[in-house]
Amino acid sequence: MLSRTAALLLPAFGSLRITADPEPGAADDAVPGPEPADDAVPVVPAVAPGSIVAANHTSLADPVVVLAALHRLGARPVVLATAGLWRIPLLGSLLRHEGHIAVHRGTARAAESLDAAARALAAGRVVLIYGEGGLPRRRDSGELPPGPFRSGLARLAHATGAPVVPLGQAGSRRLTSGGTSKQLAGLATAPLRRPGLHVHLGAPLHLPSDTAEATARAHDAVTAAWTAASRYAGGRQDPARPATAGRGPGATGP
């Protein structure tokens, strides 16, 4: 229901486009996507059951953008998210009903989220994880490359052997960024501004068994997907220009 709701609501706030890296042998099985921007690939492959989707985290609006994109591709992912969301009335009930996974950060229960994610993958579900585990500290609407990844993504991929689909998204900071008042103002004016939102998928990859190497490789792949998404979305910051990101209070990764 959350994925469908995101797909229904997002068009009122911005224009979403989806592209992907070319994948060998995908031409016959690809799902047609929207008209591409620049040199974007005009077809988007389906996300295979039992895959881990690793996305960059830039804004509180990220889950809506990513869920809407994955819904368009036929995927209904299980999301790893901060446990505090389960305490919100109605939202918490929906999260529990749909089998999403609470991450109890900074507690002995934090590892339980990876066990639950492994079970979901074994059942053929797609699992969405934010490798950074937090939001950038930047206050304006500019884009930032992904910050350092935690090891949870690499450990989950190693434990399950699941392929990792790198996903880069850009533009959601034009929906919500900054303090509370600015975020509310952004949402209120988005239907008039119609910010461009872009999701770009990299080719699936299998990570090596070494946790440090796997974490670095996943980070590089998601950064490359974000660079493509940022370029297509017409982000104000040059994707090649380095920037620093921190771990904000919205951290959600194990």
Protein backbone atom coordinates (compact mmCIF):
# COMPACT_ATOMS: atom_id res chain seq x y z
CA MET A 1 0.00 0.00 0.00
CA LEU A 2 2.82 2.41 0.82
CA SER A 3 4.43 1.86 -2.59
CA ARG A 4 1.12 2.40 -4.38
CA THR A 5 0.36 5.49 -2.30
CA ALA A 6 3.79 6.93 -3.12
CA ALA A 7 3.22 6.28 -6.82
CA LEU A 8 -0.17 7.99 -6.69
CA LEU A 9 0.92 11.03 -4.66
CA LEU A 10 4.31 11.84 -6.19
CA PRO A 11 3.04 13.14 -9.57
CA ALA A 12 1.27 15.95 -7.70
CA PHE A 13 4.59 17.19 -6.30
CA GLY A 14 7.13 16.64 -9.06
CA SER A 15 8.03 14.97 -12.34
CA LEU A 16 9.73 11.57 -11.99
CA ARG A 17 11.97 10.02 -14.63
CA ILE A 18 13.71 6.64 -14.46
CA THR A 19 16.75 5.44 -16.40
CA ALA A 20 19.27 2.64 -16.06
CA ASP A 21 22.71 1.52 -17.08
CA PRO A 22 22.66 -0.88 -20.03
CA GLU A 23 22.60 -4.50 -18.95
CA PRO A 24 23.79 -7.32 -21.24
CA GLY A 25 20.85 -9.35 -22.51
CA ALA A 26 18.29 -6.96 -21.04
CA ALA A 27 16.94 -5.64 -24.33
CA ASP A 28 14.29 -8.34 -24.72
CA ASP A 29 13.19 -8.35 -21.09
CA ALA A 30 13.34 -4.66 -20.30
CA VAL A 31 10.38 -2.69 -19.06
CA PRO A 32 9.78 0.47 -21.12
CA GLY A 33 10.55 3.62 -19.16
CA PRO A 34 9.66 7.29 -19.66
CA GLU A 35 11.30 9.38 -22.33
CA PRO A 36 14.98 9.61 -21.33
CA ALA A 37 17.00 12.75 -20.66
CA ASP A 38 20.34 13.38 -22.36
CA ASP A 39 22.14 10.04 -22.86
CA ALA A 40 19.94 8.04 -20.49
CA VAL A 41 19.07 4.50 -21.53
CA PRO A 42 15.47 4.49 -22.85
CA VAL A 43 14.56 1.21 -21.15
CA VAL A 44 14.60 0.27 -17.49
CA PRO A 45 15.14 -3.36 -16.43
CA ALA A 46 12.85 -4.97 -13.90
CA VAL A 47 14.26 -5.48 -10.40
CA ALA A 48 14.59 -9.22 -9.86
CA PRO A 49 12.94 -10.84 -6.82
CA GLY A 50 15.41 -11.47 -4.03
CA SER A 51 17.51 -8.39 -4.87
CA ILE A 52 18.90 -5.78 -2.51
CA VAL A 53 18.31 -2.24 -3.75
CA ALA A 54 20.96 0.08 -2.29
CA ALA A 55 19.94 3.74 -2.52
CA ASN A 56 21.52 7.05 -1.57
CA HIS A 57 19.86 9.06 1.20
CA THR A 58 19.50 12.83 0.78
CA SER A 59 16.08 13.90 2.06
CA LEU A 60 13.07 12.85 4.09
CA ALA A 61 11.26 12.64 0.75
CA ASP A 62 13.62 9.94 -0.56
CA PRO A 63 11.41 6.96 0.36
CA VAL A 64 8.44 8.40 -1.54
CA VAL A 65 10.55 8.99 -4.66
CA VAL A 66 12.26 5.60 -4.53
CA LEU A 67 9.10 3.64 -3.69
CA ALA A 68 7.24 5.36 -6.53
CA ALA A 69 10.03 4.48 -8.96
CA LEU A 70 10.21 0.86 -7.84
CA HIS A 71 6.41 0.60 -7.99
CA ARG A 72 6.58 1.69 -11.62
CA LEU A 73 9.04 -1.16 -12.21
CA GLY A 74 6.76 -3.70 -10.54
CA ALA A 75 8.76 -4.04 -7.29
CA ARG A 76 7.18 -3.74 -3.84
CA PRO A 77 10.21 -3.62 -1.56
CA VAL A 78 10.64 -4.28 2.11
CA VAL A 79 12.28 -1.15 3.52
CA LEU A 80 14.81 -0.97 6.36
CA ALA A 81 13.95 2.21 8.28
CA THR A 82 14.58 3.78 11.65
CA ALA A 83 12.48 2.19 14.39
CA GLY A 84 11.09 5.57 15.45
CA LEU A 85 8.75 5.52 12.46
CA TRP A 86 6.90 2.58 13.98
CA ARG A 87 5.79 4.85 16.83
CA ILE A 88 3.90 7.19 14.49
CA PRO A 89 0.14 6.48 14.53
CA LEU A 90 -1.20 4.87 11.37
CA LEU A 91 2.22 4.87 9.67
CA GLY A 92 3.54 2.40 12.22
CA SER A 93 0.56 0.12 11.64
CA LEU A 94 1.11 0.22 7.90
CA LEU A 95 4.82 -0.52 8.27
CA ARG A 96 4.09 -3.53 10.48
CA HIS A 97 1.30 -4.79 8.20
CA GLU A 98 3.48 -4.67 5.09
CA GLY A 99 6.47 -6.34 6.73
CA HIS A 100 8.91 -3.45 6.64
CA ILE A 101 11.91 -3.77 8.93
CA ALA A 102 12.64 -1.54 11.92
CA VAL A 103 16.29 -0.67 12.58
CA HIS A 104 16.95 -0.10 16.28
CA ARG A 105 20.04 2.05 15.96
CA GLY A 106 22.59 2.04 18.73
CA THR A 107 21.07 -0.94 20.54
CA ALA A 108 21.78 -4.63 20.84
CA ARG A 109 18.77 -5.22 18.56
CA ALA A 110 20.36 -3.45 15.57
CA ALA A 111 21.60 -6.73 14.06
CA GLU A 112 18.07 -8.15 14.12
CA SER A 113 17.21 -5.99 11.11
CA LEU A 114 19.72 -7.84 8.94
CA ASP A 115 18.29 -11.21 10.02
CA ALA A 116 14.80 -10.02 9.09
CA ALA A 117 16.09 -8.68 5.76
CA ALA A 118 17.73 -12.04 5.02
CA ARG A 119 14.43 -13.81 5.62
CA ALA A 120 12.65 -11.40 3.31
CA LEU A 121 15.21 -12.01 0.56
CA ALA A 122 14.87 -15.77 1.00
CA ALA A 123 11.13 -15.35 0.49
CA GLY A 124 11.74 -13.57 -2.81
CA ARG A 125 11.11 -10.03 -1.59
CA VAL A 126 13.11 -7.03 -2.76
CA VAL A 127 14.85 -5.28 0.14
CA LEU A 128 15.57 -1.53 0.08
CA ILE A 129 18.45 -0.32 2.23
CA TYR A 130 20.14 3.06 2.60
CA GLY A 131 23.83 2.27 2.89
CA GLU A 132 24.71 5.60 4.48
CA GLY A 133 22.27 5.05 7.31
CA GLY A 134 21.63 8.79 7.65
CA LEU A 135 20.87 12.12 6.05
CA PRO A 136 23.45 14.75 5.04
CA ARG A 137 23.89 17.77 7.28
CA ARG A 138 23.60 20.20 4.39
CA ARG A 139 20.68 22.59 4.94
CA ASP A 140 19.98 23.93 1.44
CA SER A 141 18.46 22.06 -1.49
CA GLY A 142 21.77 21.30 -3.23
CA GLU A 143 22.71 17.74 -4.08
CA LEU A 144 25.38 15.81 -2.20
CA PRO A 145 27.18 12.62 -3.23
CA PRO A 146 26.57 9.62 -0.97
CA GLY A 147 28.37 9.74 2.36
CA PRO A 148 30.32 6.81 3.84
CA PHE A 149 28.44 3.53 3.95
CA ARG A 150 27.94 1.40 7.01
CA SER A 151 28.83 -2.28 6.79
CA GLY A 152 25.27 -3.63 7.02
CA LEU A 153 24.73 -3.72 3.25
CA ALA A 154 27.91 -5.71 2.66
CA ARG A 155 27.15 -8.11 5.50
CA LEU A 156 23.63 -8.72 4.22
CA ALA A 157 24.82 -9.34 0.66
CA HIS A 158 27.51 -11.75 1.89
CA ALA A 159 25.14 -13.67 4.17
CA THR A 160 22.49 -14.11 1.47
CA GLY A 161 24.38 -14.03 -1.82
CA ALA A 162 21.74 -11.61 -3.10
CA PRO A 163 22.59 -9.29 -6.00
CA VAL A 164 22.82 -5.59 -5.19
CA VAL A 165 21.09 -3.06 -7.45
CA PRO A 166 22.67 0.40 -7.05
CA LEU A 167 20.05 3.15 -7.12
CA GLY A 168 20.83 6.84 -7.33
CA GLN A 169 18.12 9.43 -6.85
CA ALA A 170 18.32 13.19 -7.21
CA GLY A 171 15.83 16.02 -6.86
CA SER A 172 14.08 15.02 -3.64
CA ARG A 173 15.95 17.76 -1.76
CA ARG A 174 13.88 20.22 -3.78
CA LEU A 175 10.83 18.69 -2.14
CA THR A 176 12.09 18.65 1.44
CA SER A 177 15.38 19.92 2.89
CA GLY A 178 16.52 22.14 5.73
CA GLY A 179 14.59 22.84 8.92
CA THR A 180 10.98 21.93 9.65
CA SER A 181 9.48 25.20 8.39
CA LYS A 182 11.50 25.04 5.19
CA GLN A 183 10.49 21.44 4.59
CA LEU A 184 6.82 22.25 5.04
CA ALA A 185 7.17 25.23 2.72
CA GLY A 186 8.89 23.02 0.15
CA LEU A 187 6.05 20.52 0.16
CA ALA A 188 3.43 23.27 -0.01
CA THR A 189 5.01 24.92 -3.06
CA ALA A 190 6.14 21.76 -4.88
CA PRO A 191 2.89 21.40 -6.89
CA LEU A 192 3.59 24.83 -8.39
CA ARG A 193 7.35 24.40 -8.82
CA ARG A 194 7.16 20.83 -10.19
CA PRO A 195 10.79 19.94 -9.38
CA GLY A 196 12.48 17.38 -11.56
CA LEU A 197 13.06 14.04 -9.83
CA HIS A 198 15.27 11.36 -11.30
CA VAL A 199 16.03 7.77 -10.34
CA HIS A 200 18.87 5.93 -12.06
CA LEU A 201 19.57 2.21 -11.61
CA GLY A 202 23.00 0.69 -12.06
CA ALA A 203 23.52 -2.84 -13.29
CA PRO A 204 23.14 -5.50 -10.56
CA LEU A 205 26.39 -6.61 -8.98
CA HIS A 206 27.57 -9.34 -6.64
CA LEU A 207 29.76 -7.99 -3.88
CA PRO A 208 32.98 -9.70 -2.72
CA SER A 209 33.08 -11.49 0.62
CA ASP A 210 35.47 -9.01 2.25
CA THR A 211 33.30 -6.52 4.12
CA ALA A 212 35.52 -3.48 3.62
CA GLU A 213 35.99 -4.13 -0.09
CA ALA A 214 32.30 -4.90 -0.57
CA THR A 215 31.29 -1.70 1.24
CA ALA A 216 33.64 0.37 -0.92
CA ARG A 217 32.41 -1.25 -4.13
CA ALA A 218 28.76 -0.71 -3.21
CA HIS A 219 29.48 2.91 -2.33
CA ASP A 220 31.21 3.48 -5.67
CA ALA A 221 28.29 1.92 -7.58
CA VAL A 222 25.64 3.97 -5.76
CA THR A 223 27.75 7.11 -6.21
CA ALA A 224 27.93 6.44 -9.96
CA ALA A 225 24.14 5.97 -10.08
CA TRP A 226 23.65 9.19 -8.10
CA THR A 227 25.99 11.06 -10.46
CA ALA A 228 23.86 9.99 -13.41
CA ALA A 229 20.61 10.84 -11.62
CA SER A 230 21.94 14.24 -10.54
CA ARG A 231 22.97 15.09 -14.08
CA TYR A 232 19.65 14.05 -15.57
CA ALA A 233 17.68 15.88 -12.88
CA GLY A 234 19.56 19.08 -13.66
CA GLY A 235 20.94 19.43 -10.14
CA ARG A 236 22.51 22.78 -9.35
CA GLN A 237 25.70 21.22 -8.04
CA ASP A 238 28.21 19.73 -10.43
CA PRO A 239 28.16 15.98 -9.64
CA ALA A 240 31.93 15.85 -10.12
CA ARG A 241 32.56 18.47 -7.44
CA PRO A 242 33.43 16.86 -4.11
CA ALA A 243 31.31 17.62 -1.09
CA THR A 244 31.13 16.33 2.44
CA ALA A 245 28.16 14.64 4.04
CA GLY A 246 27.47 13.88 7.67
CA ARG A 247 25.23 11.58 9.59
CA GLY A 248 22.08 13.37 10.66
CA PRO A 249 19.39 12.38 13.13
CA GLY A 250 17.41 10.53 10.48
CA ALA A 251 19.90 7.67 10.18
CA THR A 252 18.15 4.48 9.12
CA GLY A 253 20.79 1.94 8.14
CA PRO A 254 22.21 -0.90 10.22
